[in-house]
N, C-alpha and C. Protein backbone atom coordinates (compact mmCIF):
# COMPACT_ATOMS: atom_id res chain seq x y z
N MET A 1 131.24 114.46 39.52
CA MET A 1 130.73 114.49 41.46
C MET A 1 129.61 114.44 41.73
N SER A 2 129.78 113.36 42.19
CA SER A 2 128.15 113.16 42.77
C SER A 2 128.02 113.08 44.20
N LYS A 3 126.62 114.47 44.43
CA LYS A 3 126.69 114.12 46.10
C LYS A 3 126.38 112.70 46.96
N ALA A 4 126.98 112.27 48.06
CA ALA A 4 126.29 111.33 48.69
C ALA A 4 125.14 111.22 49.26
N SER A 5 124.23 110.04 49.35
CA SER A 5 123.08 110.55 49.51
C SER A 5 122.93 110.11 50.84
N THR A 6 121.98 110.88 51.77
CA THR A 6 122.18 110.64 53.44
C THR A 6 120.96 109.92 53.89
N VAL A 7 120.04 109.63 52.72
CA VAL A 7 118.71 109.05 52.54
C VAL A 7 118.96 107.95 53.77
N ARG A 8 118.55 107.40 54.65
CA ARG A 8 118.45 106.33 55.94
C ARG A 8 117.54 105.16 55.08
N ARG A 9 118.05 103.87 55.44
CA ARG A 9 116.88 103.08 55.35
C ARG A 9 116.40 102.43 56.16
N LEU A 10 114.96 102.07 56.14
CA LEU A 10 114.51 101.63 57.57
C LEU A 10 114.83 100.36 57.47
N PRO A 11 115.01 99.68 58.89
CA PRO A 11 115.52 98.17 59.04
C PRO A 11 114.50 97.26 58.27
N SER A 12 114.69 96.20 57.97
CA SER A 12 113.26 95.48 57.43
C SER A 12 113.13 94.64 58.65
N PHE A 13 111.70 94.19 58.14
CA PHE A 13 111.02 93.34 58.87
C PHE A 13 111.58 92.13 59.71
N SER A 14 112.25 91.94 59.11
CA SER A 14 113.20 90.42 58.98
C SER A 14 114.16 90.70 60.33
N SER A 15 114.86 92.06 60.42
CA SER A 15 115.71 92.09 61.26
C SER A 15 115.30 92.78 62.59
N LEU A 16 114.16 93.33 62.44
CA LEU A 16 113.37 93.74 63.80
C LEU A 16 113.53 93.04 64.27
N PHE A 17 112.39 91.62 63.52
CA PHE A 17 111.56 90.65 64.33
C PHE A 17 113.07 89.86 64.53
N SER A 18 113.87 89.97 64.17
CA SER A 18 115.00 88.77 64.26
C SER A 18 115.98 89.44 65.59
N PHE A 19 115.63 90.90 66.01
CA PHE A 19 116.15 91.73 66.86
C PHE A 19 115.00 91.33 67.86
N LEU A 20 113.81 91.21 68.26
CA LEU A 20 112.81 90.87 69.43
C LEU A 20 113.43 90.11 69.52
N LEU A 21 113.02 88.64 68.89
CA LEU A 21 113.47 87.17 69.17
C LEU A 21 114.40 87.43 70.04
N LEU A 22 115.77 88.13 69.55
CA LEU A 22 117.17 87.76 70.49
C LEU A 22 116.84 88.38 71.50
N PHE A 23 115.93 89.55 71.70
CA PHE A 23 115.90 90.03 73.00
C PHE A 23 114.98 89.04 74.22
N SER A 24 113.63 88.60 73.38
CA SER A 24 112.71 87.61 74.71
C SER A 24 113.80 86.74 74.97
N ALA A 25 114.66 85.58 73.75
CA ALA A 25 115.74 84.85 74.05
C ALA A 25 116.27 85.33 75.20
N THR A 26 116.80 86.54 75.56
CA THR A 26 117.87 87.03 76.21
C THR A 26 116.74 87.22 77.66
N ILE A 27 115.93 87.75 77.56
CA ILE A 27 114.81 87.68 78.64
C ILE A 27 114.55 86.65 79.42
N ILE A 28 114.47 85.78 78.37
CA ILE A 28 114.08 83.69 79.04
C ILE A 28 115.08 83.47 80.07
N VAL A 29 116.46 83.39 79.38
CA VAL A 29 117.67 82.96 79.79
C VAL A 29 117.77 83.70 81.00
N PHE A 30 117.62 84.94 81.08
CA PHE A 30 117.88 86.06 82.59
C PHE A 30 117.08 85.83 83.61
N SER A 31 115.91 85.44 83.24
CA SER A 31 115.20 85.27 83.97
C SER A 31 114.67 83.52 84.53
N SER A 32 115.40 83.02 83.85
CA SER A 32 115.42 81.51 84.76
C SER A 32 116.35 81.48 85.71
N TRP A 33 117.31 82.42 85.97
CA TRP A 33 118.15 82.86 86.64
C TRP A 33 118.03 83.01 87.98
N LEU A 34 116.42 83.80 87.98
CA LEU A 34 116.03 84.87 88.97
C LEU A 34 115.25 83.74 89.86
N PRO A 35 114.70 84.05 91.14
CA PRO A 35 114.33 83.25 91.79
C PRO A 35 112.52 83.18 91.27
N SER A 36 111.68 82.18 91.50
CA SER A 36 110.59 82.00 91.41
C SER A 36 109.72 82.83 92.29
N THR A 37 108.43 83.12 91.32
CA THR A 37 107.88 83.77 92.80
C THR A 37 107.49 83.07 93.63
N ALA A 38 107.14 81.68 93.76
CA ALA A 38 107.18 80.48 94.57
C ALA A 38 107.92 81.19 95.92
N ALA A 39 109.29 80.75 95.48
CA ALA A 39 110.52 81.05 96.09
C ALA A 39 110.27 82.19 96.92
N LEU A 40 110.19 83.36 96.46
CA LEU A 40 109.79 84.99 96.80
C LEU A 40 108.72 84.87 98.19
N ASP A 41 107.59 84.15 97.09
CA ASP A 41 106.30 83.91 98.63
C ASP A 41 107.07 83.15 99.70
N ALA A 42 107.85 82.18 99.43
CA ALA A 42 108.50 81.97 101.12
C ALA A 42 108.91 82.69 101.81
N LEU A 43 109.73 83.10 101.12
CA LEU A 43 110.72 84.71 101.81
C LEU A 43 109.28 85.81 102.33
N ASP A 44 107.92 85.77 101.90
CA ASP A 44 107.06 86.59 102.60
C ASP A 44 106.79 86.24 103.48
N PHE A 45 106.36 84.50 103.57
CA PHE A 45 105.74 84.22 104.59
C PHE A 45 107.10 83.55 105.96
N GLU A 46 107.96 83.49 105.25
CA GLU A 46 108.99 83.64 106.52
C GLU A 46 109.46 84.25 107.71
N ARG A 47 109.37 85.49 107.01
CA ARG A 47 109.35 87.05 107.47
C ARG A 47 107.85 87.41 108.43
N ALA A 48 106.70 87.13 107.77
CA ALA A 48 105.98 87.18 108.33
C ALA A 48 105.82 85.81 109.94
N ALA A 49 106.44 84.90 109.50
CA ALA A 49 106.64 83.97 111.13
C ALA A 49 107.37 84.41 112.20
N MET A 50 108.54 85.27 111.01
CA MET A 50 109.66 85.85 112.24
C MET A 50 109.30 86.88 112.78
N LEU A 51 108.18 88.03 112.57
CA LEU A 51 107.33 88.60 113.28
C LEU A 51 106.84 88.37 113.97
N GLN A 52 105.63 87.40 113.84
CA GLN A 52 104.99 86.66 114.69
C GLN A 52 105.57 85.80 116.22
N GLU A 53 106.65 85.42 116.10
CA GLU A 53 107.79 85.01 116.74
C GLU A 53 108.44 86.18 117.85
N GLN A 54 108.55 86.98 116.87
CA GLN A 54 109.25 87.87 117.24
C GLN A 54 107.71 88.86 118.62
N GLN A 55 106.96 89.00 118.23
CA GLN A 55 105.47 89.77 118.80
C GLN A 55 105.22 88.57 119.86
N GLN A 56 105.47 87.38 119.90
CA GLN A 56 105.31 86.56 120.82
C GLN A 56 105.86 86.57 121.69
N HIS A 57 107.37 86.51 121.62
CA HIS A 57 108.15 86.62 122.82
C HIS A 57 108.22 88.14 123.40
N ARG A 58 107.96 89.18 122.56
CA ARG A 58 107.53 90.31 124.15
C ARG A 58 106.78 89.93 124.29
N GLN A 59 105.57 89.40 124.32
CA GLN A 59 104.50 89.26 125.15
C GLN A 59 104.78 88.34 126.31
N ARG A 60 105.88 87.35 125.74
CA ARG A 60 106.65 86.50 126.95
C ARG A 60 107.15 87.41 128.05
N ALA A 61 107.59 88.16 127.80
CA ALA A 61 109.22 88.91 127.95
C ALA A 61 108.27 89.82 129.28
N ALA A 62 106.97 90.80 128.61
CA ALA A 62 106.23 91.26 129.76
C ALA A 62 105.46 91.11 130.39
N LYS A 63 105.25 89.43 130.13
CA LYS A 63 104.19 88.67 130.97
C LYS A 63 105.43 88.48 132.60
N ARG A 64 106.29 87.80 132.07
CA ARG A 64 107.31 87.96 132.58
C ARG A 64 107.68 88.75 133.78
N PHE A 65 107.88 90.35 133.50
CA PHE A 65 108.24 91.11 133.67
C PHE A 65 107.32 91.80 135.08
N TYR A 66 105.96 91.57 134.33
CA TYR A 66 104.42 92.62 135.29
C TYR A 66 104.69 90.98 136.32
N SER A 67 104.61 90.12 136.10
CA SER A 67 104.25 88.68 137.51
C SER A 67 105.55 88.94 137.82
N TRP A 68 107.06 89.40 138.24
CA TRP A 68 107.82 89.70 138.57
C TRP A 68 107.56 90.91 139.54
N GLU A 69 107.45 91.76 139.34
CA GLU A 69 106.90 93.10 139.93
C GLU A 69 105.98 92.89 140.62
N GLY A 70 104.87 92.07 140.41
CA GLY A 70 103.86 91.85 141.24
C GLY A 70 102.75 92.46 140.84
N LYS A 71 102.24 92.77 139.49
CA LYS A 71 101.32 93.06 138.70
C LYS A 71 100.80 92.11 137.82
N ARG A 72 99.63 92.21 138.03
CA ARG A 72 98.63 91.26 136.99
C ARG A 72 98.66 91.91 135.60
N TYR A 73 99.25 91.09 134.46
CA TYR A 73 99.26 91.26 133.50
C TYR A 73 97.92 91.39 132.72
N SER A 74 97.80 92.88 132.23
CA SER A 74 96.70 92.51 131.27
C SER A 74 97.09 93.78 129.72
N ASN A 75 95.92 93.76 128.90
CA ASN A 75 96.50 94.36 127.57
C ASN A 75 96.16 95.50 128.01
N ARG A 76 94.99 95.90 129.07
CA ARG A 76 94.41 96.84 129.48
C ARG A 76 94.94 97.75 131.09
N ASP A 77 94.35 98.75 131.01
CA ASP A 77 94.99 99.37 132.78
C ASP A 77 93.83 98.58 133.15
N LYS A 78 94.42 98.34 134.93
CA LYS A 78 93.94 97.70 135.34
C LYS A 78 93.14 98.81 136.52
N GLY A 79 93.30 99.63 136.30
CA GLY A 79 93.13 101.17 137.15
C GLY A 79 93.97 101.88 137.94
N ALA A 80 93.90 102.70 138.67
CA ALA A 80 94.31 103.90 138.91
C ALA A 80 95.13 102.95 140.41
N MET A 81 94.75 101.94 140.75
CA MET A 81 95.42 101.57 142.11
C MET A 81 96.63 101.35 142.25
N ASP A 82 96.85 100.57 141.10
CA ASP A 82 98.55 100.32 140.48
C ASP A 82 99.69 101.16 140.14
N LYS A 83 98.95 102.26 139.53
CA LYS A 83 99.68 103.45 139.45
C LYS A 83 99.61 104.45 140.81
N ARG A 84 98.86 104.68 141.60
CA ARG A 84 98.62 105.27 142.76
C ARG A 84 99.94 104.52 143.87
N LYS A 85 99.94 103.42 143.54
CA LYS A 85 100.95 102.88 144.32
C LYS A 85 102.70 102.90 143.89
N PHE A 86 102.70 103.29 142.82
CA PHE A 86 104.06 102.94 142.32
C PHE A 86 104.27 104.46 142.32
N TYR A 87 103.39 105.43 142.13
CA TYR A 87 103.60 106.94 142.61
C TYR A 87 104.21 107.40 143.61
N GLN A 88 103.59 106.72 144.52
CA GLN A 88 103.84 107.21 145.90
C GLN A 88 105.05 106.38 146.10
N TRP A 89 105.41 105.20 145.72
CA TRP A 89 106.94 104.41 145.58
C TRP A 89 107.99 105.50 145.45
N ALA A 90 107.42 106.05 143.86
CA ALA A 90 108.41 106.42 143.15
C ALA A 90 108.40 108.34 143.88
N GLY A 91 108.51 108.62 144.82
CA GLY A 91 108.36 109.99 145.47
C GLY A 91 107.43 110.88 145.38
N LYS A 92 106.11 110.42 144.14
CA LYS A 92 105.15 111.42 143.82
C LYS A 92 103.85 110.55 144.44
N ARG A 93 102.61 111.94 144.61
CA ARG A 93 101.41 111.48 144.84
C ARG A 93 100.86 110.96 143.91
N SER A 94 100.82 111.30 143.03
CA SER A 94 99.84 110.75 141.40
C SER A 94 100.72 111.33 140.65
N SER A 95 100.20 110.86 139.60
CA SER A 95 101.23 111.09 137.42
C SER A 95 100.74 112.44 137.66
N GLY A 96 99.50 113.19 138.09
CA GLY A 96 99.23 114.63 138.14
C GLY A 96 100.44 115.57 138.76
N ASP A 97 100.95 115.40 139.65
CA ASP A 97 102.04 115.88 140.54
C ASP A 97 102.94 116.46 140.01
N GLN A 98 103.53 118.17 139.85
CA GLN A 98 104.24 118.06 138.83
C GLN A 98 105.74 118.33 139.64
N GLY A 99 105.74 117.47 141.21
CA GLY A 99 107.15 117.76 142.03
C GLY A 99 107.97 116.88 141.58
N PHE A 100 109.28 117.59 141.16
CA PHE A 100 110.22 116.35 140.56
C PHE A 100 111.21 116.35 141.66
N ASP A 101 111.70 114.92 141.66
CA ASP A 101 112.70 114.48 142.64
C ASP A 101 113.92 114.16 141.79
N ILE A 102 114.69 114.92 141.63
CA ILE A 102 116.05 113.91 140.96
C ILE A 102 116.52 112.49 141.60
N GLN A 103 116.49 112.83 142.97
CA GLN A 103 117.34 111.37 143.52
C GLN A 103 116.14 109.98 142.97
N ASN A 104 114.78 110.59 143.06
CA ASN A 104 113.36 109.26 142.67
C ASN A 104 113.51 109.03 141.13
N GLU A 105 114.08 110.23 140.64
CA GLU A 105 114.31 109.57 139.27
C GLU A 105 115.30 108.64 138.43
N VAL A 106 116.29 108.76 139.23
CA VAL A 106 117.61 108.36 139.31
C VAL A 106 117.50 106.54 139.91
N GLN A 107 116.82 107.24 140.84
CA GLN A 107 116.35 105.36 141.15
C GLN A 107 115.61 104.69 140.42
N LYS A 108 114.08 105.72 140.02
CA LYS A 108 113.41 104.56 138.86
C LYS A 108 114.25 104.69 137.40
N ARG A 109 115.31 105.26 137.24
CA ARG A 109 115.94 105.04 136.25
C ARG A 109 117.09 103.63 136.47
N LYS A 110 117.20 103.55 137.45
CA LYS A 110 118.27 102.43 137.66
C LYS A 110 117.36 100.73 138.09
N PHE A 111 116.22 101.61 138.27
CA PHE A 111 115.35 100.12 138.79
C PHE A 111 114.86 99.88 137.13
N TYR A 112 114.59 100.97 136.06
CA TYR A 112 114.57 100.00 134.97
C TYR A 112 115.39 99.62 134.27
N GLN A 113 116.65 99.93 134.83
CA GLN A 113 117.94 99.44 134.15
C GLN A 113 117.70 98.68 134.31
N TRP A 114 117.86 98.09 135.42
CA TRP A 114 118.03 96.89 136.45
C TRP A 114 117.15 96.07 136.57
N ALA A 115 115.56 96.28 135.74
CA ALA A 115 114.57 94.98 135.57
C ALA A 115 114.86 94.69 134.21
N GLY A 116 115.79 95.32 133.33
CA GLY A 116 115.94 95.08 131.93
C GLY A 116 115.15 96.23 131.13
N LYS A 117 114.79 96.81 131.81
CA LYS A 117 113.71 97.90 130.89
C LYS A 117 114.75 99.09 130.45
N ARG A 118 114.93 100.14 129.55
CA ARG A 118 115.23 101.34 129.58
C ARG A 118 114.32 102.54 129.23
N ASP A 119 114.36 102.47 130.36
CA ASP A 119 113.47 103.83 130.89
C ASP A 119 112.19 103.93 130.43
N GLY A 120 111.61 102.66 130.87
CA GLY A 120 110.19 102.21 131.02
C GLY A 120 109.85 101.46 129.89
N VAL A 121 110.95 101.35 128.57
CA VAL A 121 110.32 100.48 127.59
C VAL A 121 111.09 99.00 128.14
N LEU A 122 111.00 98.28 127.42
CA LEU A 122 111.26 96.79 127.74
C LEU A 122 112.75 96.71 126.06
N ASP A 123 113.66 96.61 126.57
CA ASP A 123 114.95 96.74 126.10
C ASP A 123 115.41 95.06 125.46
N THR A 124 115.08 94.74 124.39
CA THR A 124 115.14 93.25 123.56
C THR A 124 116.38 93.81 122.65
N SER A 125 117.21 94.72 122.79
CA SER A 125 118.50 94.57 121.84
C SER A 125 118.93 93.69 122.07
N ASP A 126 119.42 92.70 122.68
CA ASP A 126 120.46 91.89 123.36
C ASP A 126 119.77 90.23 122.98
N ASP A 127 118.78 90.49 123.09
CA ASP A 127 117.70 89.42 122.70
C ASP A 127 118.04 88.19 121.61
N PRO A 128 118.58 87.22 121.63
CA PRO A 128 118.82 86.58 120.59
C PRO A 128 117.80 85.79 119.40
N MET A 129 116.43 85.73 120.48
CA MET A 129 115.43 85.66 119.84
C MET A 129 115.17 86.75 118.51
N ILE A 130 115.71 87.78 118.75
CA ILE A 130 115.05 88.76 117.56
C ILE A 130 116.18 89.53 117.18
N ASP A 131 115.83 88.80 115.99
CA ASP A 131 117.50 89.20 114.52
C ASP A 131 117.07 89.93 113.57
N ASN A 132 116.87 91.21 113.79
CA ASN A 132 116.38 92.10 112.83
C ASN A 132 117.10 92.22 111.60
N ARG A 133 118.54 92.16 111.53
CA ARG A 133 119.51 91.49 110.86
C ARG A 133 118.59 90.83 109.17
N ARG A 134 118.60 89.67 110.34
CA ARG A 134 117.77 88.70 109.32
C ARG A 134 116.53 88.82 108.82
N ILE A 135 115.73 89.68 109.62
CA ILE A 135 114.36 90.25 108.98
C ILE A 135 114.86 90.93 107.66
N THR A 136 115.62 92.31 107.77
CA THR A 136 116.19 93.54 106.73
C THR A 136 116.70 92.13 105.56
N GLU A 137 117.37 91.23 105.72
CA GLU A 137 117.91 90.62 104.82
C GLU A 137 117.43 89.83 103.63
N LEU A 138 116.01 89.33 104.42
CA LEU A 138 115.12 88.60 103.58
C LEU A 138 114.29 89.61 102.61
N HIS A 139 114.04 91.00 103.29
CA HIS A 139 113.42 91.50 102.46
C HIS A 139 114.13 92.02 101.82
N SER A 140 114.97 92.34 101.00
CA SER A 140 116.33 93.53 100.67
C SER A 140 115.74 94.17 99.48
N GLN A 141 115.96 95.30 99.05
CA GLN A 141 115.44 95.74 97.26
C GLN A 141 115.81 95.08 96.21
N PRO A 142 116.82 94.14 96.15
CA PRO A 142 117.43 93.60 95.36
C PRO A 142 116.38 92.21 94.75
N VAL A 143 115.54 92.35 96.16
CA VAL A 143 114.72 90.63 95.36
C VAL A 143 113.20 91.63 94.99
N ASN A 144 113.21 93.24 95.45
CA ASN A 144 112.00 93.43 94.78
C ASN A 144 112.33 93.73 93.00
N VAL A 145 113.53 93.79 93.10
CA VAL A 145 113.59 94.07 91.31
C VAL A 145 113.46 93.10 91.09
N MET A 146 114.51 92.20 91.49
CA MET A 146 114.45 91.08 90.68
C MET A 146 112.92 90.74 90.52
N ARG A 147 112.22 90.56 91.33
CA ARG A 147 110.36 90.33 91.09
C ARG A 147 110.22 91.30 90.10
N ASP A 148 110.35 92.13 89.69
CA ASP A 148 109.96 93.03 88.89
C ASP A 148 110.50 92.65 87.68
N LEU A 149 111.75 92.30 87.51
CA LEU A 149 112.25 91.81 86.49
C LEU A 149 111.65 90.39 85.80
N PHE A 150 111.39 90.06 86.91
CA PHE A 150 110.74 88.67 86.15
C PHE A 150 109.49 88.72 85.59
N LYS A 151 108.44 90.04 86.23
CA LYS A 151 106.98 89.95 85.69
C LYS A 151 107.03 90.59 84.33
N LEU A 152 108.76 91.70 84.25
CA LEU A 152 108.74 92.67 82.71
C LEU A 152 108.87 91.53 81.68
N GLY A 153 109.85 90.44 81.94
CA GLY A 153 110.42 89.28 81.10
C GLY A 153 109.08 88.12 80.52
N LYS A 154 108.13 87.84 81.48
CA LYS A 154 106.44 87.32 81.19
C LYS A 154 106.38 88.23 80.13
N VAL A 155 105.68 89.59 80.40
CA VAL A 155 105.24 90.31 79.87
C VAL A 155 105.63 90.50 78.31
N VAL A 156 106.64 90.60 78.35
CA VAL A 156 107.13 90.91 76.72
C VAL A 156 107.21 89.47 76.31
N ILE A 157 107.27 88.29 76.82
CA ILE A 157 106.91 87.00 75.75
C ILE A 157 105.56 86.70 75.86
N LEU A 158 104.74 87.71 76.74
CA LEU A 158 103.53 87.33 76.11
C LEU A 158 102.88 88.03 75.19
N SER A 159 103.36 89.13 75.28
CA SER A 159 103.23 89.81 74.10
C SER A 159 104.03 90.02 73.03
N LEU A 160 105.26 89.31 73.16
CA LEU A 160 105.68 88.68 71.29
C LEU A 160 105.27 87.61 70.63
N LEU A 161 104.74 86.59 72.10
CA LEU A 161 103.54 85.44 71.71
C LEU A 161 102.34 86.25 70.62
N ALA A 162 101.59 87.25 71.56
CA ALA A 162 100.27 88.00 71.09
C ALA A 162 100.70 88.45 69.76
N ALA A 163 101.78 88.65 69.30
CA ALA A 163 101.77 89.69 67.65
C ALA A 163 102.21 88.54 67.10
N LEU A 164 102.57 87.28 67.32
CA LEU A 164 102.53 86.54 66.21
C LEU A 164 101.86 86.15 65.85
């Protein structure tokens, strides 16, 4: 009785080459289903355009609010006079005054809610121009994964061609 030999044979070069060829063909087929980088760049461009439109809409809304309120809209503060008038109207002498009047705070909160602001911040949650779901839909994680797989497929194909 002879003992069975447990020596393994290394795969031949032709079987290894056929496996790599089959693998690269599979990558090529699957990468053809993935969107091209031009399509992904178009998604980036569309996202940038939507963000710019969103910023312009916020600026127009702020201009309308400040012009309605009787203030002159500017990117910088025009001085303490407007602040002083506002704080006098709200029951405080100046912004540094620590006197807190609950009645005036309630009036201010009602004023901000009525004017379309929530605690002094413009509320755009119900604005149809700003649709954050569409923006996150454009730039979701699977798109980035598909882009990486496409690049990996290109690298594998180029390395196989270089090896030949």
